[in-house]
Amino acid sequence: MASYLLSEVAKEDLIRIHRFGMERFGETQADKYINTIFEKFKGLLSIVSAGEGMSVVGW
C-alpha cells in the first residue's frame, strides 16, 4: 500500500489549523476536522494504490 510523508511545513500548517480550530470551535470540533483531513489523505492513498501494478495504455 502507498504511504505519504508530510513536509515539516505541512506538519506545522496542520498544527496551526488544529490550534485555530480549538480556539475558535473547541477541542472536539478541532479534532474532528483534523481527523477528517487525515481520512482524506487515506482516501487519496487508496486511489493511488488502486493503480499499482497496472500498465499504462496509450502512452
C-alpha atoms as a PDB file:
ATOM      1  CA  MET A   1       0.000   0.000   0.000  1.00  0.00           C
ATOM      2  CA  ALA A   2       1.152   3.527  -0.728  1.00  0.00           C
ATOM      3  CA  SER A   3       2.107   5.885   2.066  1.00  0.00           C
ATOM      4  CA  TYR A   4       2.629   9.596   2.434  1.00  0.00           C
ATOM      5  CA  LEU A   5       5.220  11.780   4.081  1.00  0.00           C
ATOM      6  CA  LEU A   6       4.343  15.264   5.236  1.00  0.00           C
ATOM      7  CA  SER A   7       6.911  18.014   4.973  1.00  0.00           C
ATOM      8  CA  GLU A   8       7.786  19.923   8.119  1.00  0.00           C
ATOM      9  CA  VAL A   9       5.919  22.936   6.711  1.00  0.00           C
ATOM     10  CA  ALA A  10       2.799  20.826   6.158  1.00  0.00           C
ATOM     11  CA  LYS A  11       3.026  19.452   9.700  1.00  0.00           C
ATOM     12  CA  GLU A  12       3.322  22.977  11.078  1.00  0.00           C
ATOM     13  CA  ASP A  13       0.318  24.046   8.995  1.00  0.00           C
ATOM     14  CA  LEU A  14      -1.768  21.182  10.375  1.00  0.00           C
ATOM     15  CA  ILE A  15      -0.757  22.088  13.916  1.00  0.00           C
ATOM     16  CA  ARG A  16      -1.779  25.707  13.285  1.00  0.00           C
ATOM     17  CA  ILE A  17      -5.076  24.592  11.757  1.00  0.00           C
ATOM     18  CA  HIS A  18      -5.804  22.431  14.790  1.00  0.00           C
ATOM     19  CA  ARG A  19      -4.820  25.179  17.222  1.00  0.00           C
ATOM     20  CA  PHE A  20      -7.066  27.670  15.407  1.00  0.00           C
ATOM     21  CA  GLY A  21      -9.929  25.180  15.473  1.00  0.00           C
ATOM     22  CA  MET A  22      -9.503  24.628  19.198  1.00  0.00           C
ATOM     23  CA  GLU A  23      -9.548  28.357  19.909  1.00  0.00           C
ATOM     24  CA  ARG A  24     -12.470  29.057  17.616  1.00  0.00           C
ATOM     25  CA  PHE A  25     -14.666  25.943  17.849  1.00  0.00           C
ATOM     26  CA  GLY A  26     -13.385  23.849  20.761  1.00  0.00           C
ATOM     27  CA  GLU A  27     -11.293  20.716  21.072  1.00  0.00           C
ATOM     28  CA  THR A  28     -13.941  18.232  19.926  1.00  0.00           C
ATOM     29  CA  GLN A  29     -14.642  20.040  16.664  1.00  0.00           C
ATOM     30  CA  ALA A  30     -10.934  20.734  16.017  1.00  0.00           C
ATOM     31  CA  ASP A  31     -10.161  17.031  16.483  1.00  0.00           C
ATOM     32  CA  LYS A  32     -12.986  16.051  14.125  1.00  0.00           C
ATOM     33  CA  TYR A  33     -11.699  18.464  11.468  1.00  0.00           C
ATOM     34  CA  ILE A  34      -8.077  17.271  11.671  1.00  0.00           C
ATOM     35  CA  ASN A  35      -9.190  13.636  11.674  1.00  0.00           C
ATOM     36  CA  THR A  36     -11.238  14.340   8.551  1.00  0.00           C
ATOM     37  CA  ILE A  37      -8.137  15.758   6.843  1.00  0.00           C
ATOM     38  CA  PHE A  38      -6.179  12.596   7.647  1.00  0.00           C
ATOM     39  CA  GLU A  39      -9.060  10.434   6.424  1.00  0.00           C
ATOM     40  CA  LYS A  40      -8.913  12.342   3.130  1.00  0.00           C
ATOM     41  CA  PHE A  41      -5.176  11.572   2.932  1.00  0.00           C
ATOM     42  CA  LYS A  42      -6.022   7.880   3.356  1.00  0.00           C
ATOM     43  CA  GLY A  43      -8.675   8.160   0.655  1.00  0.00           C
ATOM     44  CA  LEU A  44      -6.157   9.642  -1.749  1.00  0.00           C
ATOM     45  CA  LEU A  45      -3.769   6.796  -0.962  1.00  0.00           C
ATOM     46  CA  SER A  46      -6.428   4.226  -1.777  1.00  0.00           C
ATOM     47  CA  ILE A  47      -6.849   5.821  -5.192  1.00  0.00           C
ATOM     48  CA  VAL A  48      -3.094   5.689  -5.785  1.00  0.00           C
ATOM     49  CA  SER A  49      -2.942   2.099  -4.544  1.00  0.00           C
ATOM     50  CA  ALA A  50      -5.760   1.075  -6.876  1.00  0.00           C
ATOM     51  CA  GLY A  51      -3.492   1.787  -9.832  1.00  0.00           C
ATOM     52  CA  GLU A  52      -0.492  -0.160  -8.573  1.00  0.00           C
ATOM     53  CA  GLY A  53       0.545  -2.947 -10.880  1.00  0.00           C
ATOM     54  CA  MET A  54      -1.450  -1.632 -13.817  1.00  0.00           C
ATOM     55  CA  SER A  55       0.258  -0.950 -17.095  1.00  0.00           C
ATOM     56  CA  VAL A  56      -0.258   2.338 -18.849  1.00  0.00           C
ATOM     57  CA  VAL A  57      -2.069   2.022 -22.163  1.00  0.00           C
ATOM     58  CA  GLY A  58      -1.678   4.524 -24.948  1.00  0.00           C
ATOM     59  CA  TRP A  59       1.308   6.449 -23.642  1.00  0.00           C
END
